[in-house]
PDB file of N, CA and C in Angstrom:
ATOM      1  N   MET A   1       0.913  -1.486   0.144  1.00  0.00           N
ATOM      2  CA  MET A   1      -0.067  -0.478   0.020  1.00  0.00           C
ATOM      3  C   MET A   1       0.611   1.355  -0.112  1.00  0.00           C
ATOM      4  N   ILE A   2       0.839   1.999  -0.792  1.00  0.00           N
ATOM      5  CA  ILE A   2       1.524   3.054  -1.075  1.00  0.00           C
ATOM      6  C   ILE A   2       0.828   4.446  -0.632  1.00  0.00           C
ATOM      7  N   THR A   3       1.109   5.349   0.432  1.00  0.00           N
ATOM      8  CA  THR A   3       0.022   6.401   1.062  1.00  0.00           C
ATOM      9  C   THR A   3       0.965   7.539   0.034  1.00  0.00           C
ATOM     10  N   LYS A   4       0.179   8.663  -0.072  1.00  0.00           N
ATOM     11  CA  LYS A   4       0.375  10.127  -0.548  1.00  0.00           C
ATOM     12  C   LYS A   4       0.807  10.627   0.442  1.00  0.00           C
ATOM     13  N   GLY A   5       1.897  12.031   0.201  1.00  0.00           N
ATOM     14  CA  GLY A   5       2.712  12.500   0.785  1.00  0.00           C
ATOM     15  C   GLY A   5       1.849  13.841   0.668  1.00  0.00           C
ATOM     16  N   PRO A   6       2.328  14.813   1.744  1.00  0.00           N
ATOM     17  CA  PRO A   6       1.726  16.065   2.021  1.00  0.00           C
ATOM     18  C   PRO A   6       1.229  16.729   0.047  1.00  0.00           C
ATOM     19  N   PHE A   7       2.432  16.625  -0.035  1.00  0.00           N
ATOM     20  CA  PHE A   7       2.841  17.403  -1.497  1.00  0.00           C
ATOM     21  C   PHE A   7       2.441  17.063  -2.589  1.00  0.00           C
ATOM     22  N   GLN A   8       2.252  15.104  -2.469  1.00  0.00           N
ATOM     23  CA  GLN A   8       1.383  15.071  -3.711  1.00  0.00           C
ATOM     24  C   GLN A   8      -0.076  15.817  -4.459  1.00  0.00           C
ATOM     25  N   MET A   9      -0.320  15.382  -5.266  1.00  0.00           N
ATOM     26  CA  MET A   9      -1.539  16.257  -6.127  1.00  0.00           C
ATOM     27  C   MET A   9      -2.249  14.841  -7.018  1.00  0.00           C
ATOM     28  N   ASN A  10      -3.357  14.752  -7.095  1.00  0.00           N
ATOM     29  CA  ASN A  10      -4.394  13.807  -8.166  1.00  0.00           C
ATOM     30  C   ASN A  10      -3.568  14.280  -9.217  1.00  0.00           C
ATOM     31  N   ARG A  11      -4.021  13.825 -10.389  1.00  0.00           N
ATOM     32  CA  ARG A  11      -3.917  14.068 -11.778  1.00  0.00           C
ATOM     33  C   ARG A  11      -4.621  15.191 -12.068  1.00  0.00           C
ATOM     34  N   LYS A  12      -5.909  15.714 -11.521  1.00  0.00           N
ATOM     35  CA  LYS A  12      -6.826  16.429 -11.884  1.00  0.00           C
ATOM     36  C   LYS A  12      -6.435  17.626 -10.996  1.00  0.00           C
ATOM     37  N   THR A  13      -5.856  17.769 -10.156  1.00  0.00           N
ATOM     38  CA  THR A  13      -5.347  19.034  -9.430  1.00  0.00           C
ATOM     39  C   THR A  13      -4.062  19.148 -10.321  1.00  0.00           C
ATOM     40  N   ARG A  14      -2.784  18.831 -10.949  1.00  0.00           N
ATOM     41  CA  ARG A  14      -1.874  18.896 -11.415  1.00  0.00           C
ATOM     42  C   ARG A  14      -1.701  19.623 -12.653  1.00  0.00           C
ATOM     43  N   ARG A  15      -2.890  18.960 -12.848  1.00  0.00           N
ATOM     44  CA  ARG A  15      -3.218  19.363 -14.673  1.00  0.00           C
ATOM     45  C   ARG A  15      -3.957  20.818 -14.589  1.00  0.00           C
ATOM     46  N   ALA A  16      -4.753  21.304 -13.411  1.00  0.00           N
ATOM     47  CA  ALA A  16      -5.225  22.237 -13.459  1.00  0.00           C
ATOM     48  C   ALA A  16      -4.151  23.473 -12.930  1.00  0.00           C
ATOM     49  N   VAL A  17      -3.484  23.103 -12.545  1.00  0.00           N
ATOM     50  CA  VAL A  17      -2.101  24.271 -11.487  1.00  0.00           C
ATOM     51  C   VAL A  17      -1.290  24.161 -12.818  1.00  0.00           C
ATOM     52  N   SER A  18      -0.951  22.917 -13.900  1.00  0.00           N
ATOM     53  CA  SER A  18      -0.196  23.121 -14.946  1.00  0.00           C
ATOM     54  C   SER A  18      -0.948  24.338 -16.562  1.00  0.00           C
ATOM     55  N   ARG A  19      -2.168  24.426 -16.145  1.00  0.00           N
ATOM     56  CA  ARG A  19      -2.703  25.015 -16.780  1.00  0.00           C
ATOM     57  C   ARG A  19      -2.796  26.578 -16.558  1.00  0.00           C
ATOM     58  N   LYS A  20      -3.015  26.506 -14.914  1.00  0.00           N
ATOM     59  CA  LYS A  20      -2.772  27.997 -15.017  1.00  0.00           C
ATOM     60  C   LYS A  20      -1.744  28.594 -15.028  1.00  0.00           C
ATOM     61  N   ASN A  21      -0.588  28.064 -14.779  1.00  0.00           N
ATOM     62  CA  ASN A  21       0.899  28.348 -14.306  1.00  0.00           C
ATOM     63  C   ASN A  21       0.594  28.578 -15.992  1.00  0.00           C
ATOM     64  N   ARG A  22       0.719  28.001 -17.548  1.00  0.00           N
ATOM     65  CA  ARG A  22       0.640  28.051 -18.424  1.00  0.00           C
ATOM     66  C   ARG A  22      -0.208  29.405 -18.895  1.00  0.00           C
ATOM     67  N   ASP A  23      -1.183  29.450 -18.471  1.00  0.00           N
ATOM     68  CA  ASP A  23      -1.900  30.511 -18.265  1.00  0.00           C
ATOM     69  C   ASP A  23      -1.447  32.292 -18.252  1.00  0.00           C
ATOM     70  N   LYS A  24      -0.735  32.184 -17.253  1.00  0.00           N
ATOM     71  CA  LYS A  24       0.229  32.974 -16.546  1.00  0.00           C
ATOM     72  C   LYS A  24       1.690  33.898 -17.553  1.00  0.00           C
ATOM     73  N   MET A  25       2.246  32.173 -17.567  1.00  0.00           N
ATOM     74  CA  MET A  25       3.327  32.710 -18.543  1.00  0.00           C
ATOM     75  C   MET A  25       2.968  33.108 -20.180  1.00  0.00           C
ATOM     76  N   LYS A  26       1.595  32.723 -20.402  1.00  0.00           N
ATOM     77  CA  LYS A  26       1.135  33.054 -21.554  1.00  0.00           C
ATOM     78  C   LYS A  26       1.588  34.468 -21.387  1.00  0.00           C
ATOM     79  N   GLN A  27       0.900  35.280 -20.315  1.00  0.00           N
ATOM     80  CA  GLN A  27       0.140  36.806 -20.159  1.00  0.00           C
ATOM     81  C   GLN A  27       1.488  36.910 -20.171  1.00  0.00           C
ATOM     82  N   MET A  28       2.245  36.680 -19.789  1.00  0.00           N
ATOM     83  CA  MET A  28       3.650  37.595 -18.920  1.00  0.00           C
ATOM     84  C   MET A  28       4.559  37.466 -20.487  1.00  0.00           C
ATOM     85  N   GLU A  29       4.581  36.633 -21.029  1.00  0.00           N
ATOM     86  CA  GLU A  29       5.384  37.102 -22.583  1.00  0.00           C
ATOM     87  C   GLU A  29       4.059  37.945 -23.462  1.00  0.00           C
ATOM     88  N   GLU A  30       3.223  38.077 -23.491  1.00  0.00           N
ATOM     89  CA  GLU A  30       2.731  38.833 -24.332  1.00  0.00           C
ATOM     90  C   GLU A  30       3.085  40.397 -23.735  1.00  0.00           C
ATOM     91  N   GLN A  31       3.143  40.604 -22.443  1.00  0.00           N
ATOM     92  CA  GLN A  31       3.835  42.236 -21.697  1.00  0.00           C
ATOM     93  C   GLN A  31       5.221  41.896 -22.409  1.00  0.00           C
ATOM     94  N   ILE A  32       5.847  41.014 -21.704  1.00  0.00           N
ATOM     95  CA  ILE A  32       7.719  41.493 -22.713  1.00  0.00           C
ATOM     96  C   ILE A  32       7.545  41.532 -23.928  1.00  0.00           C
ATOM     97  N   ALA A  33       6.975  41.107 -24.871  1.00  0.00           N
ATOM     98  CA  ALA A  33       6.410  41.322 -26.509  1.00  0.00           C
ATOM     99  C   ALA A  33       6.422  42.787 -26.399  1.00  0.00           C
ATOM    100  N   LEU A  34       5.233  43.939 -25.685  1.00  0.00           N
ATOM    101  CA  LEU A  34       5.013  44.415 -25.878  1.00  0.00           C
ATOM    102  C   LEU A  34       6.370  45.709 -25.800  1.00  0.00           C
ATOM    103  N   PHE A  35       7.218  45.183 -24.998  1.00  0.00           N
ATOM    104  CA  PHE A  35       8.307  45.963 -24.490  1.00  0.00           C
ATOM    105  C   PHE A  35       8.852  46.526 -25.915  1.00  0.00           C
ATOM    106  N   GLN A  36       8.706  45.950 -27.225  1.00  0.00           N
ATOM    107  CA  GLN A  36       9.375  45.871 -28.061  1.00  0.00           C
ATOM    108  C   GLN A  36       8.769  47.427 -29.002  1.00  0.00           C
ATOM    109  N   ASN A  37       7.681  47.359 -28.029  1.00  0.00           N
ATOM    110  CA  ASN A  37       6.998  48.723 -29.140  1.00  0.00           C
ATOM    111  C   ASN A  37       7.033  50.275 -27.799  1.00  0.00           C
ATOM    112  N   LEU A  38       8.454  49.624 -26.831  1.00  0.00           N
ATOM    113  CA  LEU A  38       8.533  51.096 -25.996  1.00  0.00           C
ATOM    114  C   LEU A  38       9.101  52.223 -26.870  1.00  0.00           C
ATOM    115  N   PRO A  39       8.930  53.822 -26.380  1.00  0.00           N
ATOM    116  CA  PRO A  39       9.245  54.355 -27.450  1.00  0.00           C
ATOM    117  C   PRO A  39      10.855  55.077 -26.738  1.00  0.00           C
ATOM    118  N   SER A  40      11.080  55.746 -27.672  1.00  0.00           N
ATOM    119  CA  SER A  40      12.610  56.158 -27.075  1.00  0.00           C
ATOM    120  C   SER A  40      12.736  57.469 -26.276  1.00  0.00           C
ATOM    121  N   TYR A  41      11.027  57.993 -26.113  1.00  0.00           N
ATOM    122  CA  TYR A  41      11.217  59.312 -25.855  1.00  0.00           C
ATOM    123  C   TYR A  41       9.974  59.468 -25.159  1.00  0.00           C
ATOM    124  N   CYS A  42      10.048  60.645 -23.879  1.00  0.00           N
ATOM    125  CA  CYS A  42       8.737  60.629 -23.299  1.00  0.00           C
ATOM    126  C   CYS A  42       7.621  61.562 -23.802  1.00  0.00           C
ATOM    127  N   LEU A  43       6.138  60.727 -23.957  1.00  0.00           N
ATOM    128  CA  LEU A  43       5.219  60.765 -24.528  1.00  0.00           C
ATOM    129  C   LEU A  43       4.950  62.679 -24.320  1.00  0.00           C
ATOM    130  N   THR A  44       5.321  63.573 -23.266  1.00  0.00           N
ATOM    131  CA  THR A  44       5.111  64.549 -23.005  1.00  0.00           C
ATOM    132  C   THR A  44       5.609  66.138 -23.068  1.00  0.00           C
ATOM    133  N   CYS A  45       7.045  65.117 -22.782  1.00  0.00           N
ATOM    134  CA  CYS A  45       7.747  66.494 -22.943  1.00  0.00           C
ATOM    135  C   CYS A  45       9.310  66.173 -23.844  1.00  0.00           C
ATOM    136  N   GLU A  46       9.080  64.508 -24.430  1.00  0.00           N
ATOM    137  CA  GLU A  46       9.898  64.634 -25.930  1.00  0.00           C
ATOM    138  C   GLU A  46      11.123  64.339 -25.594  1.00  0.00           C
ATOM    139  N   LYS A  47      11.487  63.956 -23.963  1.00  0.00           N
ATOM    140  CA  LYS A  47      13.350  63.872 -23.569  1.00  0.00           C
ATOM    141  C   LYS A  47      13.455  62.267 -24.236  1.00  0.00           C
ATOM    142  N   ASP A  48      14.672  62.471 -24.434  1.00  0.00           N
ATOM    143  CA  ASP A  48      14.894  61.719 -25.336  1.00  0.00           C
ATOM    144  C   ASP A  48      15.350  59.957 -23.792  1.00  0.00           C
ATOM    145  N   PHE A  49      14.992  58.733 -24.398  1.00  0.00           N
ATOM    146  CA  PHE A  49      14.990  57.669 -23.202  1.00  0.00           C
ATOM    147  C   PHE A  49      16.321  56.763 -23.474  1.00  0.00           C
ATOM    148  N   ASP A  50      17.205  56.557 -22.920  1.00  0.00           N
ATOM    149  CA  ASP A  50      18.431  55.568 -23.002  1.00  0.00           C
ATOM    150  C   ASP A  50      17.824  53.981 -22.547  1.00  0.00           C
ATOM    151  N   LYS A  51      17.493  53.130 -23.516  1.00  0.00           N
ATOM    152  CA  LYS A  51      17.061  51.672 -22.696  1.00  0.00           C
ATOM    153  C   LYS A  51      18.953  51.299 -22.207  1.00  0.00           C
ATOM    154  N   LYS A  52      20.144  51.744 -22.267  1.00  0.00           N
ATOM    155  CA  LYS A  52      21.157  51.249 -22.100  1.00  0.00           C
ATOM    156  C   LYS A  52      20.975  51.544 -20.411  1.00  0.00           C
ATOM    157  N   ASN A  53      20.942  52.831 -19.799  1.00  0.00           N
ATOM    158  CA  ASN A  53      21.083  53.750 -19.018  1.00  0.00           C
ATOM    159  C   ASN A  53      20.119  53.035 -17.820  1.00  0.00           C
ATOM    160  N   LYS A  54      20.943  52.015 -17.019  1.00  0.00           N
ATOM    161  CA  LYS A  54      19.995  51.991 -15.692  1.00  0.00           C
ATOM    162  C   LYS A  54      18.671  52.066 -15.043  1.00  0.00           C
ATOM    163  N   GLU A  55      19.682  53.967 -14.613  1.00  0.00           N
ATOM    164  CA  GLU A  55      19.186  54.967 -14.169  1.00  0.00           C
ATOM    165  C   GLU A  55      17.666  55.428 -14.715  1.00  0.00           C
ATOM    166  N   MET A  56      18.008  55.392 -15.754  1.00  0.00           N
ATOM    167  CA  MET A  56      17.039  56.121 -16.385  1.00  0.00           C
ATOM    168  C   MET A  56      15.829  54.672 -16.607  1.00  0.00           C
ATOM    169  N   VAL A  57      16.261  53.143 -16.803  1.00  0.00           N
ATOM    170  CA  VAL A  57      14.981  52.301 -16.980  1.00  0.00           C
ATOM    171  C   VAL A  57      14.144  52.104 -15.505  1.00  0.00           C
ATOM    172  N   SER A  58      15.036  52.567 -13.943  1.00  0.00           N
ATOM    173  CA  SER A  58      14.327  51.715 -13.028  1.00  0.00           C
ATOM    174  C   SER A  58      13.924  53.468 -12.795  1.00  0.00           C
ATOM    175  N   SER A  59      13.590  54.492 -13.108  1.00  0.00           N
ATOM    176  CA  SER A  59      12.809  55.847 -12.453  1.00  0.00           C
ATOM    177  C   SER A  59      11.708  55.974 -13.308  1.00  0.00           C
ATOM    178  N   TRP A  60      11.548  55.509 -15.128  1.00  0.00           N
ATOM    179  CA  TRP A  60      11.177  56.106 -15.751  1.00  0.00           C
ATOM    180  C   TRP A  60       9.576  55.122 -15.677  1.00  0.00           C
ATOM    181  N   ASN A  61       8.572  55.707 -16.298  1.00  0.00           N
ATOM    182  CA  ASN A  61       7.226  54.882 -15.564  1.00  0.00           C
ATOM    183  C   ASN A  61       6.571  54.545 -17.251  1.00  0.00           C
ATOM    184  N   VAL A  62       6.415  53.238 -17.364  1.00  0.00           N
ATOM    185  CA  VAL A  62       5.616  52.949 -18.211  1.00  0.00           C
ATOM    186  C   VAL A  62       4.345  52.670 -18.232  1.00  0.00           C
ATOM    187  N   VAL A  63       3.727  52.812 -18.780  1.00  0.00           N
ATOM    188  CA  VAL A  63       2.158  52.716 -18.918  1.00  0.00           C
ATOM    189  C   VAL A  63       1.679  51.815 -20.204  1.00  0.00           C
ATOM    190  N   VAL A  64       1.027  50.557 -19.849  1.00  0.00           N
ATOM    191  CA  VAL A  64       0.452  49.610 -20.864  1.00  0.00           C
ATOM    192  C   VAL A  64      -0.750  49.199 -20.844  1.00  0.00           C
ATOM    193  N   LYS A  65      -1.654  50.019 -21.878  1.00  0.00           N
ATOM    194  CA  LYS A  65      -3.275  49.842 -21.888  1.00  0.00           C
ATOM    195  C   LYS A  65      -3.262  49.381 -22.872  1.00  0.00           C
ATOM    196  N   GLY A  66      -3.616  47.376 -23.071  1.00  0.00           N
ATOM    197  CA  GLY A  66      -4.099  46.875 -24.608  1.00  0.00           C
ATOM    198  C   GLY A  66      -2.444  46.720 -25.391  1.00  0.00           C
ATOM    199  N   GLU A  67      -3.227  47.376 -26.630  1.00  0.00           N
ATOM    200  CA  GLU A  67      -1.565  46.997 -27.056  1.00  0.00           C
ATOM    201  C   GLU A  67      -0.878  48.349 -27.354  1.00  0.00           C
ATOM    202  N   THR A  68      -1.314  49.318 -26.448  1.00  0.00           N
ATOM    203  CA  THR A  68      -0.611  50.471 -26.281  1.00  0.00           C
ATOM    204  C   THR A  68       0.239  50.647 -25.338  1.00  0.00           C
ATOM    205  N   VAL A  69       1.339  50.906 -25.367  1.00  0.00           N
ATOM    206  CA  VAL A  69       2.777  51.539 -24.794  1.00  0.00           C
ATOM    207  C   VAL A  69       3.002  52.713 -24.322  1.00  0.00           C
ATOM    208  N   ARG A  70       3.417  53.395 -22.894  1.00  0.00           N
ATOM    209  CA  ARG A  70       3.125  54.728 -23.317  1.00  0.00           C
ATOM    210  C   ARG A  70       4.529  55.133 -21.734  1.00  0.00           C
ATOM    211  N   LEU A  71       5.473  55.619 -22.970  1.00  0.00           N
ATOM    212  CA  LEU A  71       6.301  55.824 -21.617  1.00  0.00           C
ATOM    213  C   LEU A  71       6.697  57.247 -20.991  1.00  0.00           C
ATOM    214  N   TYR A  72       7.332  57.649 -19.566  1.00  0.00           N
ATOM    215  CA  TYR A  72       6.426  59.126 -19.285  1.00  0.00           C
ATOM    216  C   TYR A  72       8.210  59.397 -18.359  1.00  0.00           C
ATOM    217  N   CYS A  73       8.811  60.427 -18.644  1.00  0.00           N
ATOM    218  CA  CYS A  73       9.891  60.599 -17.868  1.00  0.00           C
ATOM    219  C   CYS A  73       9.272  61.019 -16.253  1.00  0.00           C
ATOM    220  N   PRO A  74      10.303  61.088 -15.277  1.00  0.00           N
ATOM    221  CA  PRO A  74       9.623  61.378 -13.634  1.00  0.00           C
ATOM    222  C   PRO A  74       9.270  62.450 -13.441  1.00  0.00           C
ATOM    223  N   ASP A  75      10.119  63.890 -13.848  1.00  0.00           N
ATOM    224  CA  ASP A  75       9.367  64.810 -14.060  1.00  0.00           C
ATOM    225  C   ASP A  75       7.879  65.179 -14.524  1.00  0.00           C
ATOM    226  N   CYS A  76       7.696  64.470 -15.706  1.00  0.00           N
ATOM    227  CA  CYS A  76       6.018  64.763 -16.101  1.00  0.00           C
ATOM    228  C   CYS A  76       5.231  63.758 -15.323  1.00  0.00           C
ATOM    229  N   TRP A  77       6.046  62.597 -14.586  1.00  0.00           N
ATOM    230  CA  TRP A  77       4.856  61.859 -13.985  1.00  0.00           C
ATOM    231  C   TRP A  77       4.452  62.234 -13.040  1.00  0.00           C
ATOM    232  N   SER A  78       5.526  62.814 -12.475  1.00  0.00           N
ATOM    233  CA  SER A  78       5.427  63.835 -10.592  1.00  0.00           C
ATOM    234  C   SER A  78       4.058  65.041 -10.929  1.00  0.00           C
ATOM    235  N   ARG A  79       4.483  65.926 -11.870  1.00  0.00           N
ATOM    236  CA  ARG A  79       3.456  67.103 -12.433  1.00  0.00           C
ATOM    237  C   ARG A  79       2.219  66.330 -12.475  1.00  0.00           C
ATOM    238  N   ALA A  80       2.216  65.291 -13.483  1.00  0.00           N
ATOM    239  CA  ALA A  80       0.513  64.397 -13.640  1.00  0.00           C
ATOM    240  C   ALA A  80       0.376  63.980 -12.405  1.00  0.00           C
ATOM    241  N   LYS A  81       0.734  63.526 -11.780  1.00  0.00           N
ATOM    242  CA  LYS A  81       0.463  63.054  -9.983  1.00  0.00           C
ATOM    243  C   LYS A  81      -0.054  64.018  -9.309  1.00  0.00           C
ATOM    244  N   GLU A  82       0.802  65.032  -9.481  1.00  0.00           N
ATOM    245  CA  GLU A  82       0.514  66.723  -8.779  1.00  0.00           C
ATOM    246  C   GLU A  82      -1.239  66.909  -8.972  1.00  0.00           C
ATOM    247  N   MET A  83      -1.056  66.684 -10.587  1.00  0.00           N
ATOM    248  CA  MET A  83      -2.291  67.442 -10.946  1.00  0.00           C
ATOM    249  C   MET A  83      -3.448  66.932 -10.390  1.00  0.00           C
ATOM    250  N   LEU A  84      -3.727  65.330 -10.779  1.00  0.00           N
ATOM    251  CA  LEU A  84      -4.685  64.564 -10.161  1.00  0.00           C
ATOM    252  C   LEU A  84      -4.524  64.744  -8.498  1.00  0.00           C
ATOM    253  N   ASN A  85      -3.689  65.228  -7.795  1.00  0.00           N
ATOM    254  CA  ASN A  85      -4.043  65.021  -6.440  1.00  0.00           C
ATOM    255  C   ASN A  85      -5.140  66.929  -6.080  1.00  0.00           C
ATOM    256  N   GLU A  86      -4.524  67.770  -7.225  1.00  0.00           N
ATOM    257  CA  GLU A  86      -5.450  69.010  -7.098  1.00  0.00           C
ATOM    258  C   GLU A  86      -6.745  69.032  -7.468  1.00  0.00           C
ATOM    259  N   MET A  87      -6.969  68.032  -8.203  1.00  0.00           N
ATOM    260  CA  MET A  87      -8.230  67.625  -9.130  1.00  0.00           C
ATOM    261  C   MET A  87      -9.176  67.070  -7.612  1.00  0.00           C
ATOM    262  N   LYS A  88      -8.673  65.736  -7.041  1.00  0.00           N
ATOM    263  CA  LYS A  88      -9.279  65.559  -5.931  1.00  0.00           C
ATOM    264  C   LYS A  88      -9.369  65.956  -5.542  1.00  0.00           C
ATOM    265  N   LYS A  89      -8.773  67.336  -4.289  1.00  0.00           N
ATOM    266  CA  LYS A  89      -9.175  67.992  -3.694  1.00  0.00           C
ATOM    267  C   LYS A  89     -10.390  69.280  -4.149  1.00  0.00           C
ATOM    268  N   GLU A  90     -10.354  69.249  -5.339  1.00  0.00           N
ATOM    269  CA  GLU A  90     -11.219  70.398  -6.069  1.00  0.00           C
ATOM    270  C   GLU A  90     -12.433  70.006  -6.048  1.00  0.00           C
ATOM    271  N   PHE A  91     -12.695  68.154  -6.725  1.00  0.00           N
ATOM    272  CA  PHE A  91     -13.871  67.418  -6.072  1.00  0.00           C
ATOM    273  C   PHE A  91     -14.445  67.320  -4.788  1.00  0.00           C
ATOM    274  N   SER A  92     -13.466  67.327  -4.223  1.00  0.00           N
ATOM    275  CA  SER A  92     -13.987  66.834  -2.453  1.00  0.00           C
ATOM    276  C   SER A  92     -14.683  67.566  -2.019  1.00  0.00           C
ATOM    277  N   LYS A  93     -14.368  68.698  -2.326  1.00  0.00           N
ATOM    278  CA  LYS A  93     -15.406  69.993  -1.728  1.00  0.00           C
ATOM    279  C   LYS A  93     -16.727  70.188  -2.328  1.00  0.00           C
TER     280      LYS A  93
END
């Protein structure tokens, strides 16, 4: 008689987990492929973006909606956040 260990799963559970992981991997691959469409400049102020500069890569903001990829420099991103906060304050009055 063979007993199952605490980490063994039945076939149905293994297949469900495998399917879920496959779907997540496919979604991640699609998002990575969208980075090929990454612009080489800020969409607001048109400041150049260097993909090889680690500081720029870590500080700039990327927004992906559907098939559209948008890139914003830290200055434009902070100004946009400030404007949104001001608008929230005005609407909450």
